[in-house]
């Protein structure tokens, strides 16, 4: 999980291979390798983080 970034693009040959992310604080964009993407629509953001770096 990556906090403070949004997915602005994705690509690959026949399946997802990479995502383009934009950092909210700086506007910096980076390309990262990806096998899949989970989209949570309507979920409320939580600022509370449990052990292991996973947001609750």
PDB file of N, CA and C in Angstrom:
ATOM      1  N   UNK A   1       0.842  -1.156   0.000  1.00  0.00           N
ATOM      2  CA  UNK A   1       0.000   0.000   0.000  1.00  0.00           C
ATOM      3  C   UNK A   1       0.896   1.229   0.000  1.00  0.00           C
ATOM      4  N   UNK A   2       0.509   2.198  -0.777  1.00  0.00           N
ATOM      5  CA  UNK A   2       1.262   3.440  -0.872  1.00  0.00           C
ATOM      6  C   UNK A   2       0.338   4.590  -0.520  1.00  0.00           C
ATOM      7  N   UNK A   3       0.703   5.347   0.483  1.00  0.00           N
ATOM      8  CA  UNK A   3      -0.113   6.476   0.932  1.00  0.00           C
ATOM      9  C   UNK A   3       0.480   7.761   0.374  1.00  0.00           C
ATOM     10  N   UNK A   4      -0.386   8.698  -0.027  1.00  0.00           N
ATOM     11  CA  UNK A   4       0.091   9.984  -0.519  1.00  0.00           C
ATOM     12  C   UNK A   4       0.407   9.990  -1.997  1.00  0.00           C
ATOM     13  N   UNK A   5      -0.214   9.073  -2.747  1.00  0.00           N
ATOM     14  CA  UNK A   5       0.013   9.019  -4.190  1.00  0.00           C
ATOM     15  C   UNK A   5      -1.280   8.610  -4.877  1.00  0.00           C
ATOM     16  N   UNK A   6      -1.400   8.978  -6.146  1.00  0.00           N
ATOM     17  CA  UNK A   6      -2.557   8.559  -6.934  1.00  0.00           C
ATOM     18  C   UNK A   6      -2.085   7.902  -8.219  1.00  0.00           C
ATOM     19  N   UNK A   7      -2.854   6.940  -8.691  1.00  0.00           N
ATOM     20  CA  UNK A   7      -2.563   6.269  -9.957  1.00  0.00           C
ATOM     21  C   UNK A   7      -3.077   7.163 -11.076  1.00  0.00           C
ATOM     22  N   UNK A   8      -2.196   7.538 -12.002  1.00  0.00           N
ATOM     23  CA  UNK A   8      -2.625   8.401 -13.106  1.00  0.00           C
ATOM     24  C   UNK A   8      -2.585   7.693 -14.457  1.00  0.00           C
ATOM     25  N   UNK A   9      -1.939   6.504 -14.508  1.00  0.00           N
ATOM     26  CA  UNK A   9      -1.893   5.753 -15.764  1.00  0.00           C
ATOM     27  C   UNK A   9      -1.420   4.339 -15.466  1.00  0.00           C
ATOM     28  N   UNK A  10      -1.595   3.471 -16.415  1.00  0.00           N
ATOM     29  CA  UNK A  10      -1.132   2.098 -16.307  1.00  0.00           C
ATOM     30  C   UNK A  10      -0.893   1.549 -17.700  1.00  0.00           C
ATOM     31  N   UNK A  11      -0.110   0.496 -17.787  1.00  0.00           N
ATOM     32  CA  UNK A  11       0.150  -0.068 -19.100  1.00  0.00           C
ATOM     33  C   UNK A  11       0.722  -1.461 -19.024  1.00  0.00           C
ATOM     34  N   UNK A  12       0.846  -2.071 -20.190  1.00  0.00           N
ATOM     35  CA  UNK A  12       1.399  -3.407 -20.302  1.00  0.00           C
ATOM     36  C   UNK A  12       0.986  -4.024 -21.621  1.00  0.00           C
ATOM     37  N   UNK A  13       1.556  -5.165 -21.926  1.00  0.00           N
ATOM     38  CA  UNK A  13       1.254  -5.891 -23.159  1.00  0.00           C
ATOM     39  C   UNK A  13       0.276  -7.018 -22.844  1.00  0.00           C
ATOM     40  N   UNK A  14      -1.024  -6.771 -23.001  1.00  0.00           N
ATOM     41  CA  UNK A  14      -2.036  -7.789 -22.766  1.00  0.00           C
ATOM     42  C   UNK A  14      -2.462  -7.945 -21.321  1.00  0.00           C
ATOM     43  N   UNK A  15      -1.708  -7.377 -20.390  1.00  0.00           N
ATOM     44  CA  UNK A  15      -2.052  -7.389 -18.968  1.00  0.00           C
ATOM     45  C   UNK A  15      -1.309  -6.245 -18.283  1.00  0.00           C
ATOM     46  N   UNK A  16      -1.700  -5.934 -17.072  1.00  0.00           N
ATOM     47  CA  UNK A  16      -1.071  -4.840 -16.334  1.00  0.00           C
ATOM     48  C   UNK A  16       0.370  -5.189 -15.977  1.00  0.00           C
ATOM     49  N   UNK A  17       1.291  -4.313 -16.320  1.00  0.00           N
ATOM     50  CA  UNK A  17       2.707  -4.507 -16.012  1.00  0.00           C
ATOM     51  C   UNK A  17       3.302  -3.338 -15.241  1.00  0.00           C
ATOM     52  N   UNK A  18       2.702  -2.138 -15.401  1.00  0.00           N
ATOM     53  CA  UNK A  18       3.253  -0.967 -14.723  1.00  0.00           C
ATOM     54  C   UNK A  18       2.166   0.058 -14.442  1.00  0.00           C
ATOM     55  N   UNK A  19       2.426   0.874 -13.431  1.00  0.00           N
ATOM     56  CA  UNK A  19       1.551   1.982 -13.067  1.00  0.00           C
ATOM     57  C   UNK A  19       2.363   3.261 -13.044  1.00  0.00           C
ATOM     58  N   UNK A  20       1.730   4.364 -13.376  1.00  0.00           N
ATOM     59  CA  UNK A  20       2.342   5.676 -13.219  1.00  0.00           C
ATOM     60  C   UNK A  20       1.665   6.315 -12.013  1.00  0.00           C
ATOM     61  N   UNK A  21       2.472   6.680 -11.024  1.00  0.00           N
ATOM     62  CA  UNK A  21       1.972   7.264  -9.784  1.00  0.00           C
ATOM     63  C   UNK A  21       2.382   8.719  -9.686  1.00  0.00           C
ATOM     64  N   UNK A  22       1.519   9.536  -9.092  1.00  0.00           N
ATOM     65  CA  UNK A  22       1.849  10.940  -8.822  1.00  0.00           C
ATOM     66  C   UNK A  22       1.796  11.146  -7.312  1.00  0.00           C
ATOM     67  N   UNK A  23       2.918  11.633  -6.749  1.00  0.00           N
ATOM     68  CA  UNK A  23       2.988  11.936  -5.313  1.00  0.00           C
ATOM     69  C   UNK A  23       2.186  13.193  -5.027  1.00  0.00           C
ATOM     70  N   UNK A  24       1.281  13.115  -4.067  1.00  0.00           N
ATOM     71  CA  UNK A  24       0.397  14.238  -3.747  1.00  0.00           C
ATOM     72  C   UNK A  24       1.158  15.466  -3.255  1.00  0.00           C
ATOM     73  N   UNK A  25       2.154  15.271  -2.425  1.00  0.00           N
ATOM     74  CA  UNK A  25       2.868  16.392  -1.812  1.00  0.00           C
ATOM     75  C   UNK A  25       3.769  17.143  -2.788  1.00  0.00           C
ATOM     76  N   UNK A  26       4.382  16.416  -3.735  1.00  0.00           N
ATOM     77  CA  UNK A  26       5.390  17.039  -4.602  1.00  0.00           C
ATOM     78  C   UNK A  26       4.982  17.135  -6.068  1.00  0.00           C
ATOM     79  N   UNK A  27       3.990  16.345  -6.481  1.00  0.00           N
ATOM     80  CA  UNK A  27       3.611  16.306  -7.890  1.00  0.00           C
ATOM     81  C   UNK A  27       4.537  15.434  -8.725  1.00  0.00           C
ATOM     82  N   UNK A  28       5.560  14.860  -8.087  1.00  0.00           N
ATOM     83  CA  UNK A  28       6.516  13.995  -8.781  1.00  0.00           C
ATOM     84  C   UNK A  28       5.808  12.745  -9.296  1.00  0.00           C
ATOM     85  N   UNK A  29       6.147  12.315 -10.505  1.00  0.00           N
ATOM     86  CA  UNK A  29       5.576  11.111 -11.093  1.00  0.00           C
ATOM     87  C   UNK A  29       6.642  10.036 -11.181  1.00  0.00           C
ATOM     88  N   UNK A  30       6.230   8.780 -10.952  1.00  0.00           N
ATOM     89  CA  UNK A  30       7.162   7.665 -11.081  1.00  0.00           C
ATOM     90  C   UNK A  30       6.439   6.458 -11.664  1.00  0.00           C
ATOM     91  N   UNK A  31       7.176   5.648 -12.397  1.00  0.00           N
ATOM     92  CA  UNK A  31       6.648   4.421 -12.986  1.00  0.00           C
ATOM     93  C   UNK A  31       7.101   3.262 -12.108  1.00  0.00           C
ATOM     94  N   UNK A  32       6.140   2.406 -11.710  1.00  0.00           N
ATOM     95  CA  UNK A  32       6.457   1.257 -10.870  1.00  0.00           C
ATOM     96  C   UNK A  32       5.891  -0.008 -11.509  1.00  0.00           C
ATOM     97  N   UNK A  33       6.585  -1.124 -11.321  1.00  0.00           N
ATOM     98  CA  UNK A  33       6.099  -2.411 -11.815  1.00  0.00           C
ATOM     99  C   UNK A  33       4.871  -2.824 -11.015  1.00  0.00           C
ATOM    100  N   UNK A  34       3.898  -3.473 -11.677  1.00  0.00           N
ATOM    101  CA  UNK A  34       2.675  -3.910 -10.998  1.00  0.00           C
ATOM    102  C   UNK A  34       2.119  -5.156 -11.671  1.00  0.00           C
ATOM    103  N   UNK A  35       1.616  -6.085 -10.853  1.00  0.00           N
ATOM    104  CA  UNK A  35       0.946  -7.287 -11.353  1.00  0.00           C
ATOM    105  C   UNK A  35      -0.568  -7.127 -11.312  1.00  0.00           C
ATOM    106  N   UNK A  36      -1.041  -6.247 -10.424  1.00  0.00           N
ATOM    107  CA  UNK A  36      -2.474  -6.064 -10.244  1.00  0.00           C
ATOM    108  C   UNK A  36      -2.751  -4.760  -9.534  1.00  0.00           C
ATOM    109  N   UNK A  37      -4.027  -4.425  -9.451  1.00  0.00           N
ATOM    110  CA  UNK A  37      -4.438  -3.167  -8.831  1.00  0.00           C
ATOM    111  C   UNK A  37      -5.787  -3.371  -8.169  1.00  0.00           C
ATOM    112  N   UNK A  38      -5.894  -3.033  -6.889  1.00  0.00           N
ATOM    113  CA  UNK A  38      -7.159  -3.070  -6.170  1.00  0.00           C
ATOM    114  C   UNK A  38      -7.714  -1.658  -6.119  1.00  0.00           C
ATOM    115  N   UNK A  39      -8.979  -1.499  -6.451  1.00  0.00           N
ATOM    116  CA  UNK A  39      -9.634  -0.196  -6.422  1.00  0.00           C
ATOM    117  C   UNK A  39     -10.733  -0.242  -5.377  1.00  0.00           C
ATOM    118  N   UNK A  40     -10.661   0.653  -4.399  1.00  0.00           N
ATOM    119  CA  UNK A  40     -11.678   0.738  -3.354  1.00  0.00           C
ATOM    120  C   UNK A  40     -12.516   1.973  -3.611  1.00  0.00           C
ATOM    121  N   UNK A  41     -13.710   1.781  -4.098  1.00  0.00           N
ATOM    122  CA  UNK A  41     -14.600   2.892  -4.402  1.00  0.00           C
ATOM    123  C   UNK A  41     -15.555   3.074  -3.235  1.00  0.00           C
ATOM    124  N   UNK A  42     -15.628   4.294  -2.727  1.00  0.00           N
ATOM    125  CA  UNK A  42     -16.534   4.586  -1.631  1.00  0.00           C
ATOM    126  C   UNK A  42     -15.960   4.298  -0.260  1.00  0.00           C
ATOM    127  N   UNK A  43     -14.721   3.848  -0.193  1.00  0.00           N
ATOM    128  CA  UNK A  43     -14.087   3.585   1.094  1.00  0.00           C
ATOM    129  C   UNK A  43     -13.628   4.896   1.711  1.00  0.00           C
ATOM    130  N   UNK A  44     -13.670   4.959   3.026  1.00  0.00           N
ATOM    131  CA  UNK A  44     -13.198   6.140   3.734  1.00  0.00           C
ATOM    132  C   UNK A  44     -11.728   5.960   4.080  1.00  0.00           C
ATOM    133  N   UNK A  45     -10.949   7.001   3.843  1.00  0.00           N
ATOM    134  CA  UNK A  45      -9.525   6.957   4.152  1.00  0.00           C
ATOM    135  C   UNK A  45      -9.338   6.966   5.658  1.00  0.00           C
ATOM    136  N   UNK A  46      -8.429   6.144   6.146  1.00  0.00           N
ATOM    137  CA  UNK A  46      -8.110   6.099   7.568  1.00  0.00           C
ATOM    138  C   UNK A  46      -6.674   6.553   7.760  1.00  0.00           C
ATOM    139  N   UNK A  47      -6.468   7.390   8.735  1.00  0.00           N
ATOM    140  CA  UNK A  47      -5.105   7.847   9.027  1.00  0.00           C
ATOM    141  C   UNK A  47      -4.432   6.958  10.067  1.00  0.00           C
ATOM    142  N   UNK A  48      -5.192   6.058  10.656  1.00  0.00           N
ATOM    143  CA  UNK A  48      -4.660   5.168  11.669  1.00  0.00           C
ATOM    144  C   UNK A  48      -3.931   4.011  10.991  1.00  0.00           C
ATOM    145  N   UNK A  49      -2.700   3.730  11.410  1.00  0.00           N
ATOM    146  CA  UNK A  49      -1.910   2.656  10.813  1.00  0.00           C
ATOM    147  C   UNK A  49      -1.623   1.623  11.886  1.00  0.00           C
ATOM    148  N   UNK A  50      -1.820   0.360  11.539  1.00  0.00           N
ATOM    149  CA  UNK A  50      -1.536  -0.733  12.465  1.00  0.00           C
ATOM    150  C   UNK A  50      -0.115  -1.226  12.232  1.00  0.00           C
ATOM    151  N   UNK A  51       0.359  -2.103  13.091  1.00  0.00           N
ATOM    152  CA  UNK A  51       1.689  -2.682  12.959  1.00  0.00           C
ATOM    153  C   UNK A  51       1.903  -3.294  11.589  1.00  0.00           C
ATOM    154  N   UNK A  52       3.097  -3.200  11.062  1.00  0.00           N
ATOM    155  CA  UNK A  52       3.404  -3.756   9.753  1.00  0.00           C
ATOM    156  C   UNK A  52       3.146  -2.785   8.618  1.00  0.00           C
ATOM    157  N   UNK A  53       2.734  -1.557   8.940  1.00  0.00           N
ATOM    158  CA  UNK A  53       2.558  -0.545   7.913  1.00  0.00           C
ATOM    159  C   UNK A  53       1.274  -0.644   7.121  1.00  0.00           C
ATOM    160  N   UNK A  54       0.316  -1.426   7.591  1.00  0.00           N
ATOM    161  CA  UNK A  54      -0.951  -1.556   6.868  1.00  0.00           C
ATOM    162  C   UNK A  54      -1.983  -0.592   7.433  1.00  0.00           C
ATOM    163  N   UNK A  55      -2.620   0.155   6.569  1.00  0.00           N
ATOM    164  CA  UNK A  55      -3.680   1.054   7.019  1.00  0.00           C
ATOM    165  C   UNK A  55      -4.896   0.226   7.374  1.00  0.00           C
ATOM    166  N   UNK A  56      -5.587   0.662   8.379  1.00  0.00           N
ATOM    167  CA  UNK A  56      -6.777  -0.056   8.816  1.00  0.00           C
ATOM    168  C   UNK A  56      -7.990   0.418   8.081  1.00  0.00           C
TER     169      UNK A  56
END
